[in-house]
Amino acid sequence: MDDGLADLLHRVVLLLGDAARQRTDDRDGLTYSQIRLLGTLEDIQPATQHQLAQALSISDPAVSRALRPLEADGLVQVTIDPAHARRRLVRLTDTGQKAFHTAGKPLYDELKTGLLAAGFPYQRYLDDTKRLAELLEGA
């Protein structure tokens, strides 16, 4: 990956994180960490708590603590893995998926606005990301 693209991707991550944190600072609705967890779960479900911890780069107990309110709110479902009684599987519910996408839409809009305001080549980023995904699928 060339240094220019790496720098652009780094800027995207920083802007997205800033937008997410600013948007969720009031703690109405989902927190930034909960949005990350639900988004990660959407990509790798069903997932064990350990798989989620690895994907999010946090500890297994932190995932367990993070899942409790999400499960209580009906956003995720945690069940015993039939193949291994000591392992718990986590799935995103329909309500959780809707909550994730509802929370993510304003973040997407804020990210795009922030990137364009910062002079970021947004369309190039989208095109390069699509090409990268196609290359990875073919690998």
N, C-alpha and C. Protein backbone atom coordinates (compact mmCIF):
# COMPACT_ATOMS: atom_id res chain seq x y z
N MET A 1 0.86 -1.16 0.00
CA MET A 1 0.00 0.00 0.00
C MET A 1 0.90 1.23 0.00
N ASP A 2 0.61 2.20 -0.87
CA ASP A 2 1.47 3.39 -0.90
C ASP A 2 1.18 4.28 0.30
N ASP A 3 2.15 5.15 0.61
CA ASP A 3 2.03 6.02 1.78
C ASP A 3 0.85 6.97 1.67
N GLY A 4 0.54 7.42 0.46
CA GLY A 4 -0.60 8.33 0.27
C GLY A 4 -1.91 7.68 0.66
N LEU A 5 -2.12 6.46 0.23
CA LEU A 5 -3.35 5.75 0.57
C LEU A 5 -3.41 5.43 2.05
N ALA A 6 -2.28 5.05 2.62
CA ALA A 6 -2.24 4.76 4.06
C ALA A 6 -2.58 6.01 4.86
N ASP A 7 -2.07 7.16 4.43
CA ASP A 7 -2.38 8.42 5.11
C ASP A 7 -3.87 8.75 4.99
N LEU A 8 -4.43 8.55 3.81
CA LEU A 8 -5.85 8.80 3.62
C LEU A 8 -6.71 7.90 4.50
N LEU A 9 -6.36 6.63 4.57
CA LEU A 9 -7.12 5.71 5.40
C LEU A 9 -7.01 6.08 6.87
N HIS A 10 -5.83 6.51 7.29
CA HIS A 10 -5.64 6.95 8.67
C HIS A 10 -6.54 8.16 8.97
N ARG A 11 -6.61 9.10 8.04
CA ARG A 11 -7.47 10.27 8.22
C ARG A 11 -8.94 9.87 8.31
N VAL A 12 -9.35 8.88 7.50
CA VAL A 12 -10.74 8.41 7.55
C VAL A 12 -11.05 7.85 8.93
N VAL A 13 -10.17 7.02 9.44
CA VAL A 13 -10.40 6.40 10.75
C VAL A 13 -10.49 7.47 11.83
N LEU A 14 -9.61 8.46 11.80
CA LEU A 14 -9.64 9.53 12.80
C LEU A 14 -10.93 10.33 12.71
N LEU A 15 -11.34 10.69 11.51
CA LEU A 15 -12.58 11.47 11.35
C LEU A 15 -13.80 10.67 11.78
N LEU A 16 -13.83 9.39 11.43
CA LEU A 16 -14.96 8.56 11.83
C LEU A 16 -15.02 8.43 13.34
N GLY A 17 -13.90 8.18 13.97
CA GLY A 17 -13.88 8.08 15.43
C GLY A 17 -14.31 9.37 16.09
N ASP A 18 -13.83 10.51 15.60
CA ASP A 18 -14.22 11.80 16.17
C ASP A 18 -15.72 12.05 16.01
N ALA A 19 -16.24 11.77 14.82
CA ALA A 19 -17.67 11.98 14.58
C ALA A 19 -18.51 11.08 15.47
N ALA A 20 -18.10 9.83 15.60
CA ALA A 20 -18.85 8.89 16.43
C ALA A 20 -18.83 9.31 17.90
N ARG A 21 -17.67 9.71 18.38
CA ARG A 21 -17.56 10.12 19.78
C ARG A 21 -18.37 11.39 20.06
N GLN A 22 -18.29 12.36 19.16
CA GLN A 22 -19.06 13.59 19.35
C GLN A 22 -20.55 13.31 19.33
N ARG A 23 -20.97 12.45 18.44
CA ARG A 23 -22.39 12.15 18.29
C ARG A 23 -22.93 11.40 19.50
N THR A 24 -22.12 10.59 20.13
CA THR A 24 -22.61 9.77 21.24
C THR A 24 -22.19 10.28 22.60
N ASP A 25 -21.58 11.47 22.65
CA ASP A 25 -21.15 12.02 23.94
C ASP A 25 -22.31 12.21 24.91
N ASP A 26 -23.49 12.52 24.41
CA ASP A 26 -24.62 12.75 25.31
C ASP A 26 -25.21 11.45 25.86
N ARG A 27 -24.76 10.33 25.33
CA ARG A 27 -25.17 9.00 25.79
C ARG A 27 -26.66 8.72 25.59
N ASP A 28 -27.32 9.48 24.74
CA ASP A 28 -28.68 9.13 24.34
C ASP A 28 -28.56 8.08 23.25
N GLY A 29 -29.13 6.95 23.44
CA GLY A 29 -29.02 5.90 22.45
C GLY A 29 -27.75 5.09 22.63
N LEU A 30 -27.22 4.58 21.53
CA LEU A 30 -26.06 3.72 21.58
C LEU A 30 -24.77 4.51 21.77
N THR A 31 -23.85 3.94 22.51
CA THR A 31 -22.53 4.54 22.65
C THR A 31 -21.68 4.15 21.44
N TYR A 32 -20.57 4.83 21.31
CA TYR A 32 -19.63 4.51 20.23
C TYR A 32 -19.18 3.05 20.32
N SER A 33 -18.87 2.58 21.52
CA SER A 33 -18.43 1.20 21.72
C SER A 33 -19.53 0.20 21.35
N GLN A 34 -20.76 0.54 21.68
CA GLN A 34 -21.87 -0.35 21.33
C GLN A 34 -22.09 -0.39 19.82
N ILE A 35 -21.94 0.76 19.17
CA ILE A 35 -22.07 0.80 17.72
C ILE A 35 -20.99 -0.08 17.08
N ARG A 36 -19.76 0.03 17.57
CA ARG A 36 -18.66 -0.81 17.06
C ARG A 36 -18.97 -2.29 17.26
N LEU A 37 -19.45 -2.64 18.44
CA LEU A 37 -19.74 -4.04 18.75
C LEU A 37 -20.84 -4.57 17.82
N LEU A 38 -21.91 -3.82 17.66
CA LEU A 38 -23.01 -4.27 16.80
C LEU A 38 -22.55 -4.38 15.35
N GLY A 39 -21.75 -3.43 14.89
CA GLY A 39 -21.24 -3.48 13.52
C GLY A 39 -20.32 -4.66 13.29
N THR A 40 -19.48 -4.93 14.26
CA THR A 40 -18.59 -6.08 14.16
C THR A 40 -19.40 -7.36 14.15
N LEU A 41 -20.39 -7.41 15.00
CA LEU A 41 -21.24 -8.60 15.08
C LEU A 41 -22.00 -8.81 13.78
N GLU A 42 -22.42 -7.75 13.16
CA GLU A 42 -23.12 -7.89 11.88
C GLU A 42 -22.23 -8.57 10.84
N ASP A 43 -20.94 -8.29 10.91
CA ASP A 43 -20.01 -8.87 9.95
C ASP A 43 -19.63 -10.32 10.24
N ILE A 44 -19.62 -10.73 11.50
CA ILE A 44 -19.08 -12.07 11.82
C ILE A 44 -20.04 -12.95 12.62
N GLN A 45 -21.32 -12.69 12.56
CA GLN A 45 -22.23 -13.50 13.37
C GLN A 45 -22.57 -14.83 12.72
N PRO A 46 -22.92 -15.84 13.48
CA PRO A 46 -22.81 -15.84 14.94
C PRO A 46 -21.34 -15.86 15.33
N ALA A 47 -21.04 -15.24 16.45
CA ALA A 47 -19.67 -15.17 16.91
C ALA A 47 -19.60 -15.55 18.37
N THR A 48 -18.50 -16.14 18.75
CA THR A 48 -18.29 -16.38 20.17
C THR A 48 -17.86 -15.05 20.80
N GLN A 49 -17.99 -14.97 22.11
CA GLN A 49 -17.55 -13.77 22.79
C GLN A 49 -16.05 -13.55 22.57
N HIS A 50 -15.31 -14.64 22.52
CA HIS A 50 -13.86 -14.53 22.30
C HIS A 50 -13.56 -13.97 20.90
N GLN A 51 -14.29 -14.42 19.90
CA GLN A 51 -14.10 -13.88 18.55
C GLN A 51 -14.40 -12.39 18.50
N LEU A 52 -15.46 -11.97 19.20
CA LEU A 52 -15.78 -10.54 19.26
C LEU A 52 -14.66 -9.77 19.94
N ALA A 53 -14.15 -10.32 21.03
CA ALA A 53 -13.07 -9.65 21.76
C ALA A 53 -11.85 -9.47 20.86
N GLN A 54 -11.51 -10.50 20.11
CA GLN A 54 -10.37 -10.41 19.20
C GLN A 54 -10.63 -9.38 18.10
N ALA A 55 -11.81 -9.40 17.53
CA ALA A 55 -12.13 -8.48 16.44
C ALA A 55 -12.13 -7.02 16.91
N LEU A 56 -12.52 -6.80 18.17
CA LEU A 56 -12.59 -5.44 18.70
C LEU A 56 -11.32 -5.02 19.45
N SER A 57 -10.40 -5.96 19.60
CA SER A 57 -9.15 -5.72 20.35
C SER A 57 -9.43 -5.29 21.79
N ILE A 58 -10.36 -6.01 22.42
CA ILE A 58 -10.65 -5.79 23.83
C ILE A 58 -10.66 -7.15 24.53
N SER A 59 -10.74 -7.14 25.85
CA SER A 59 -10.70 -8.39 26.60
C SER A 59 -12.03 -9.13 26.54
N ASP A 60 -11.97 -10.43 26.80
CA ASP A 60 -13.19 -11.23 26.86
C ASP A 60 -14.16 -10.71 27.93
N PRO A 61 -13.67 -10.38 29.16
CA PRO A 61 -14.60 -9.83 30.16
C PRO A 61 -15.24 -8.51 29.72
N ALA A 62 -14.50 -7.69 28.97
CA ALA A 62 -15.06 -6.42 28.49
C ALA A 62 -16.20 -6.69 27.51
N VAL A 63 -16.06 -7.70 26.68
CA VAL A 63 -17.15 -8.07 25.76
C VAL A 63 -18.35 -8.54 26.55
N SER A 64 -18.11 -9.37 27.54
CA SER A 64 -19.20 -9.87 28.38
C SER A 64 -19.97 -8.72 29.02
N ARG A 65 -19.24 -7.75 29.57
CA ARG A 65 -19.89 -6.58 30.19
C ARG A 65 -20.65 -5.75 29.16
N ALA A 66 -20.07 -5.61 27.98
CA ALA A 66 -20.70 -4.80 26.94
C ALA A 66 -21.97 -5.45 26.40
N LEU A 67 -22.02 -6.77 26.43
CA LEU A 67 -23.18 -7.48 25.88
C LEU A 67 -24.40 -7.42 26.80
N ARG A 68 -24.18 -7.30 28.10
CA ARG A 68 -25.30 -7.34 29.04
C ARG A 68 -26.40 -6.32 28.72
N PRO A 69 -26.08 -5.02 28.59
CA PRO A 69 -27.16 -4.08 28.29
C PRO A 69 -27.74 -4.27 26.89
N LEU A 70 -26.92 -4.70 25.95
CA LEU A 70 -27.42 -4.94 24.60
C LEU A 70 -28.39 -6.12 24.57
N GLU A 71 -28.09 -7.14 25.36
CA GLU A 71 -29.00 -8.29 25.45
C GLU A 71 -30.28 -7.89 26.18
N ALA A 72 -30.15 -7.11 27.24
CA ALA A 72 -31.33 -6.67 28.00
C ALA A 72 -32.25 -5.81 27.13
N ASP A 73 -31.66 -5.04 26.21
CA ASP A 73 -32.46 -4.20 25.31
C ASP A 73 -32.95 -4.94 24.08
N GLY A 74 -32.62 -6.24 23.97
CA GLY A 74 -33.08 -7.04 22.84
C GLY A 74 -32.33 -6.79 21.55
N LEU A 75 -31.12 -6.22 21.64
CA LEU A 75 -30.35 -5.93 20.44
C LEU A 75 -29.47 -7.10 20.00
N VAL A 76 -29.09 -7.94 20.97
CA VAL A 76 -28.34 -9.15 20.67
C VAL A 76 -28.97 -10.32 21.41
N GLN A 77 -28.68 -11.50 20.92
CA GLN A 77 -29.12 -12.73 21.57
C GLN A 77 -27.87 -13.54 21.88
N VAL A 78 -27.75 -13.94 23.15
CA VAL A 78 -26.60 -14.73 23.59
C VAL A 78 -27.13 -16.11 23.99
N THR A 79 -26.57 -17.15 23.36
CA THR A 79 -27.00 -18.52 23.65
C THR A 79 -25.78 -19.41 23.88
N ILE A 80 -26.03 -20.55 24.47
CA ILE A 80 -24.98 -21.55 24.67
C ILE A 80 -24.71 -22.23 23.32
N ASP A 81 -23.45 -22.38 22.99
CA ASP A 81 -23.06 -23.06 21.76
C ASP A 81 -23.35 -24.55 21.92
N PRO A 82 -24.21 -25.12 21.07
CA PRO A 82 -24.53 -26.54 21.20
C PRO A 82 -23.32 -27.45 21.01
N ALA A 83 -22.30 -26.96 20.32
CA ALA A 83 -21.11 -27.77 20.08
C ALA A 83 -20.11 -27.71 21.24
N HIS A 84 -20.28 -26.73 22.13
CA HIS A 84 -19.34 -26.55 23.23
C HIS A 84 -20.06 -25.81 24.35
N ALA A 85 -20.44 -26.52 25.40
CA ALA A 85 -21.30 -25.98 26.44
C ALA A 85 -20.72 -24.78 27.19
N ARG A 86 -19.41 -24.62 27.18
CA ARG A 86 -18.81 -23.49 27.91
C ARG A 86 -18.67 -22.24 27.04
N ARG A 87 -19.03 -22.35 25.78
CA ARG A 87 -18.89 -21.23 24.85
C ARG A 87 -20.26 -20.62 24.58
N ARG A 88 -20.30 -19.29 24.51
CA ARG A 88 -21.55 -18.60 24.22
C ARG A 88 -21.49 -17.97 22.84
N LEU A 89 -22.56 -18.14 22.09
CA LEU A 89 -22.67 -17.56 20.75
C LEU A 89 -23.52 -16.30 20.81
N VAL A 90 -23.11 -15.31 20.07
CA VAL A 90 -23.81 -14.03 20.05
C VAL A 90 -24.32 -13.78 18.64
N ARG A 91 -25.58 -13.37 18.57
CA ARG A 91 -26.21 -13.04 17.29
C ARG A 91 -26.87 -11.67 17.42
N LEU A 92 -26.88 -10.95 16.33
CA LEU A 92 -27.56 -9.67 16.24
C LEU A 92 -29.04 -9.94 15.97
N THR A 93 -29.92 -9.33 16.73
CA THR A 93 -31.35 -9.47 16.48
C THR A 93 -31.76 -8.49 15.38
N ASP A 94 -32.97 -8.64 14.86
CA ASP A 94 -33.47 -7.69 13.87
C ASP A 94 -33.51 -6.28 14.46
N THR A 95 -33.91 -6.19 15.73
CA THR A 95 -33.95 -4.90 16.42
C THR A 95 -32.54 -4.31 16.53
N GLY A 96 -31.56 -5.16 16.83
CA GLY A 96 -30.18 -4.71 16.93
C GLY A 96 -29.64 -4.23 15.60
N GLN A 97 -29.99 -4.94 14.55
CA GLN A 97 -29.53 -4.54 13.22
C GLN A 97 -30.13 -3.19 12.84
N LYS A 98 -31.42 -3.01 13.13
CA LYS A 98 -32.06 -1.72 12.83
C LYS A 98 -31.43 -0.60 13.65
N ALA A 99 -31.17 -0.88 14.93
CA ALA A 99 -30.56 0.14 15.80
C ALA A 99 -29.17 0.50 15.29
N PHE A 100 -28.40 -0.49 14.86
CA PHE A 100 -27.06 -0.23 14.34
C PHE A 100 -27.13 0.65 13.09
N HIS A 101 -28.02 0.31 12.17
CA HIS A 101 -28.11 1.08 10.93
C HIS A 101 -28.68 2.47 11.17
N THR A 102 -29.59 2.60 12.11
CA THR A 102 -30.12 3.92 12.46
C THR A 102 -29.03 4.79 13.06
N ALA A 103 -28.22 4.22 13.93
CA ALA A 103 -27.12 4.97 14.54
C ALA A 103 -26.02 5.24 13.53
N GLY A 104 -25.82 4.32 12.60
CA GLY A 104 -24.74 4.44 11.64
C GLY A 104 -25.02 5.44 10.53
N LYS A 105 -26.27 5.63 10.15
CA LYS A 105 -26.60 6.55 9.05
C LYS A 105 -26.15 7.98 9.34
N PRO A 106 -26.49 8.55 10.49
CA PRO A 106 -25.99 9.90 10.78
C PRO A 106 -24.46 9.94 10.84
N LEU A 107 -23.84 8.86 11.33
CA LEU A 107 -22.38 8.83 11.36
C LEU A 107 -21.81 8.84 9.95
N TYR A 108 -22.42 8.11 9.06
CA TYR A 108 -21.98 8.08 7.67
C TYR A 108 -22.08 9.48 7.07
N ASP A 109 -23.22 10.14 7.29
CA ASP A 109 -23.41 11.49 6.76
C ASP A 109 -22.40 12.46 7.35
N GLU A 110 -22.16 12.36 8.66
CA GLU A 110 -21.19 13.24 9.31
C GLU A 110 -19.78 12.97 8.81
N LEU A 111 -19.46 11.70 8.61
CA LEU A 111 -18.14 11.35 8.09
C LEU A 111 -17.93 11.94 6.70
N LYS A 112 -18.90 11.74 5.83
CA LYS A 112 -18.79 12.25 4.46
C LYS A 112 -18.64 13.77 4.47
N THR A 113 -19.45 14.45 5.25
CA THR A 113 -19.38 15.91 5.34
C THR A 113 -18.03 16.36 5.87
N GLY A 114 -17.56 15.69 6.92
CA GLY A 114 -16.27 16.03 7.51
C GLY A 114 -15.11 15.79 6.55
N LEU A 115 -15.17 14.69 5.83
CA LEU A 115 -14.11 14.38 4.87
C LEU A 115 -14.08 15.39 3.73
N LEU A 116 -15.24 15.72 3.22
CA LEU A 116 -15.29 16.69 2.13
C LEU A 116 -14.82 18.07 2.60
N ALA A 117 -15.21 18.46 3.81
CA ALA A 117 -14.79 19.76 4.36
C ALA A 117 -13.28 19.80 4.57
N ALA A 118 -12.67 18.64 4.85
CA ALA A 118 -11.23 18.57 5.08
C ALA A 118 -10.45 18.43 3.77
N GLY A 119 -11.16 18.46 2.64
CA GLY A 119 -10.49 18.34 1.35
C GLY A 119 -10.11 16.91 0.99
N PHE A 120 -10.74 15.95 1.66
CA PHE A 120 -10.44 14.54 1.42
C PHE A 120 -11.04 14.11 0.09
N PRO A 121 -10.30 13.36 -0.73
CA PRO A 121 -10.84 12.89 -2.02
C PRO A 121 -11.81 11.72 -1.80
N TYR A 122 -13.02 12.06 -1.41
CA TYR A 122 -14.00 11.07 -0.98
C TYR A 122 -14.32 10.05 -2.07
N GLN A 123 -14.57 10.51 -3.27
CA GLN A 123 -14.91 9.57 -4.35
C GLN A 123 -13.75 8.64 -4.65
N ARG A 124 -12.53 9.16 -4.61
CA ARG A 124 -11.35 8.30 -4.81
C ARG A 124 -11.30 7.23 -3.72
N TYR A 125 -11.57 7.64 -2.49
CA TYR A 125 -11.58 6.69 -1.37
C TYR A 125 -12.60 5.58 -1.62
N LEU A 126 -13.81 5.94 -2.04
CA LEU A 126 -14.84 4.93 -2.31
C LEU A 126 -14.42 4.00 -3.44
N ASP A 127 -13.89 4.58 -4.51
CA ASP A 127 -13.45 3.77 -5.66
C ASP A 127 -12.31 2.83 -5.27
N ASP A 128 -11.32 3.35 -4.52
CA ASP A 128 -10.19 2.53 -4.10
C ASP A 128 -10.63 1.42 -3.15
N THR A 129 -11.57 1.72 -2.27
CA THR A 129 -12.07 0.72 -1.33
C THR A 129 -12.80 -0.40 -2.08
N LYS A 130 -13.59 -0.02 -3.07
CA LYS A 130 -14.31 -1.02 -3.88
C LYS A 130 -13.32 -1.91 -4.63
N ARG A 131 -12.31 -1.30 -5.22
CA ARG A 131 -11.30 -2.08 -5.95
C ARG A 131 -10.55 -3.02 -5.02
N LEU A 132 -10.20 -2.53 -3.82
CA LEU A 132 -9.50 -3.36 -2.85
C LEU A 132 -10.36 -4.57 -2.45
N ALA A 133 -11.64 -4.33 -2.22
CA ALA A 133 -12.55 -5.43 -1.87
C ALA A 133 -12.63 -6.45 -3.00
N GLU A 134 -12.68 -5.98 -4.22
CA GLU A 134 -12.72 -6.90 -5.37
C GLU A 134 -11.43 -7.70 -5.47
N LEU A 135 -10.31 -7.05 -5.25
CA LEU A 135 -9.04 -7.77 -5.28
C LEU A 135 -8.95 -8.82 -4.20
N LEU A 136 -9.42 -8.48 -3.01
CA LEU A 136 -9.37 -9.42 -1.90
C LEU A 136 -10.30 -10.61 -2.12
N GLU A 137 -11.45 -10.36 -2.76
CA GLU A 137 -12.37 -11.45 -3.05
C GLU A 137 -11.76 -12.44 -4.04
N GLY A 138 -10.97 -11.93 -4.98
CA GLY A 138 -10.34 -12.77 -5.98
C GLY A 138 -9.10 -13.48 -5.50
N ALA A 139 -8.58 -13.07 -4.33
CA ALA A 139 -7.33 -13.66 -3.82
C ALA A 139 -7.52 -15.03 -3.26
